[in-house]
Amino acid sequence: MCALCGHPDLYVQKDFNRALGLSIVVIGSLASVVFFAFREPFLAVGALAAMALVDGLIYLLVGEVTVCYSCHAIYRGFGPNPEHRSFNLELLERYGGRTPRR
């Protein structure tokens, strides 16, 4: 149960900054396009592989947080709760989408 709004449904996700993750993908993709433009296909594929490797390492190293579907409060530093599952878009839409309920 959410300590801020009292909502019963929470989900678990990786504790990683989305903007940083998107930046990694954009930089790796742009590097690949530049290498393809200079006719360096091995370097282009290498840039994509490096991007995938960095993403995989980050996925393995970062922990998880629990998030409220309703108010989007983030809870760090707690042990895993088997009642909290991964994100479910249907539940998010049921509880008002991305806009916090008042």
Protein backbone atom coordinates (compact mmCIF):
# COMPACT_ATOMS: atom_id res chain seq x y z
CA MET A 1 0.00 0.00 0.00
CA CYS A 2 1.29 3.47 -0.90
CA ALA A 3 2.32 5.52 2.13
CA LEU A 4 1.46 8.80 0.37
CA CYS A 5 -1.95 8.16 -1.17
CA GLY A 6 -3.03 4.83 0.36
CA HIS A 7 -3.44 3.18 -3.03
CA PRO A 8 -3.12 -0.63 -2.87
CA ASP A 9 -1.45 -1.31 -6.25
CA LEU A 10 2.29 -0.84 -6.73
CA TYR A 11 4.71 -2.10 -9.37
CA VAL A 12 8.44 -2.80 -9.56
CA GLN A 13 10.84 -1.32 -12.12
CA LYS A 14 14.58 -0.85 -12.58
CA ASP A 15 15.99 2.18 -10.76
CA PHE A 16 17.54 3.89 -13.77
CA ASN A 17 17.23 7.40 -15.13
CA ARG A 18 15.18 7.24 -18.33
CA ALA A 19 16.83 10.32 -19.84
CA LEU A 20 20.27 8.76 -19.38
CA GLY A 21 19.07 5.50 -20.94
CA LEU A 22 17.64 7.35 -23.92
CA SER A 23 20.89 9.30 -24.26
CA ILE A 24 22.88 6.06 -24.44
CA VAL A 25 20.63 4.77 -27.22
CA VAL A 26 20.75 8.05 -29.17
CA ILE A 27 24.54 8.35 -28.93
CA GLY A 28 25.08 4.73 -29.97
CA SER A 29 22.64 5.05 -32.87
CA LEU A 30 24.13 8.33 -34.10
CA ALA A 31 27.65 6.89 -33.90
CA SER A 32 26.47 3.93 -35.95
CA VAL A 33 24.91 6.20 -38.60
CA VAL A 34 28.12 8.25 -38.82
CA PHE A 35 30.22 5.11 -39.25
CA PHE A 36 27.87 3.82 -41.94
CA ALA A 37 28.09 7.20 -43.71
CA PHE A 38 31.90 6.86 -43.78
CA ARG A 39 31.54 3.32 -45.12
CA GLU A 40 32.79 1.66 -41.96
CA PRO A 41 30.21 -1.10 -41.41
CA PHE A 42 32.26 -2.97 -38.82
CA LEU A 43 32.64 0.15 -36.67
CA ALA A 44 28.93 0.90 -37.14
CA VAL A 45 27.93 -2.54 -35.91
CA GLY A 46 30.54 -2.22 -33.16
CA ALA A 47 28.88 1.01 -31.96
CA LEU A 48 25.53 -0.77 -31.81
CA ALA A 49 27.09 -3.72 -30.00
CA ALA A 50 28.78 -1.39 -27.51
CA MET A 51 25.46 0.34 -26.89
CA ALA A 52 23.79 -3.02 -26.25
CA LEU A 53 26.64 -4.07 -23.94
CA VAL A 54 26.41 -0.87 -21.89
CA ASP A 55 22.63 -1.28 -21.66
CA GLY A 56 22.96 -4.89 -20.55
CA LEU A 57 25.55 -4.07 -17.90
CA ILE A 58 23.43 -1.27 -16.52
CA TYR A 59 20.42 -3.60 -16.42
CA LEU A 60 22.40 -6.12 -14.39
CA LEU A 61 23.93 -3.60 -12.00
CA VAL A 62 21.04 -1.31 -11.04
CA GLY A 63 18.53 -2.26 -8.38
CA GLU A 64 14.78 -2.08 -8.40
CA VAL A 65 12.32 0.43 -6.99
CA THR A 66 8.65 0.17 -6.16
CA VAL A 67 6.30 2.72 -7.75
CA CYS A 68 2.66 3.61 -7.00
CA TYR A 69 0.28 3.40 -9.97
CA SER A 70 -1.80 6.28 -8.68
CA CYS A 71 0.53 9.01 -7.38
CA HIS A 72 3.76 7.65 -8.93
CA ALA A 73 5.63 7.79 -5.61
CA ILE A 74 8.96 5.94 -5.75
CA TYR A 75 10.11 3.74 -2.86
CA ARG A 76 13.80 2.82 -2.62
CA GLY A 77 15.71 0.74 -0.11
CA PHE A 78 13.06 -1.85 0.71
CA GLY A 79 13.30 -5.59 0.18
CA PRO A 80 11.30 -7.21 -2.63
CA ASN A 81 7.62 -7.76 -1.99
CA PRO A 82 6.15 -10.74 -3.93
CA GLU A 83 2.80 -8.92 -4.19
CA HIS A 84 4.38 -6.19 -6.34
CA ARG A 85 4.67 -7.28 -9.94
CA SER A 86 6.22 -5.63 -12.98
CA PHE A 87 4.48 -2.72 -14.71
CA ASN A 88 1.02 -3.35 -16.17
CA LEU A 89 -0.30 -0.74 -18.62
CA GLU A 90 -3.90 -1.82 -18.06
CA LEU A 91 -3.63 -1.04 -14.34
CA LEU A 92 -2.04 2.33 -15.07
CA GLU A 93 -4.90 3.28 -17.38
CA ARG A 94 -7.45 2.05 -14.86
CA TYR A 95 -6.01 4.39 -12.23
CA GLY A 96 -5.89 7.53 -14.35
CA GLY A 97 -2.95 7.18 -16.73
CA ARG A 98 0.23 9.18 -16.21
CA THR A 99 -1.54 12.06 -14.48
CA PRO A 100 -1.44 11.69 -10.68
CA ARG A 101 -4.86 11.33 -9.12
CA ARG A 102 -5.91 13.96 -6.59
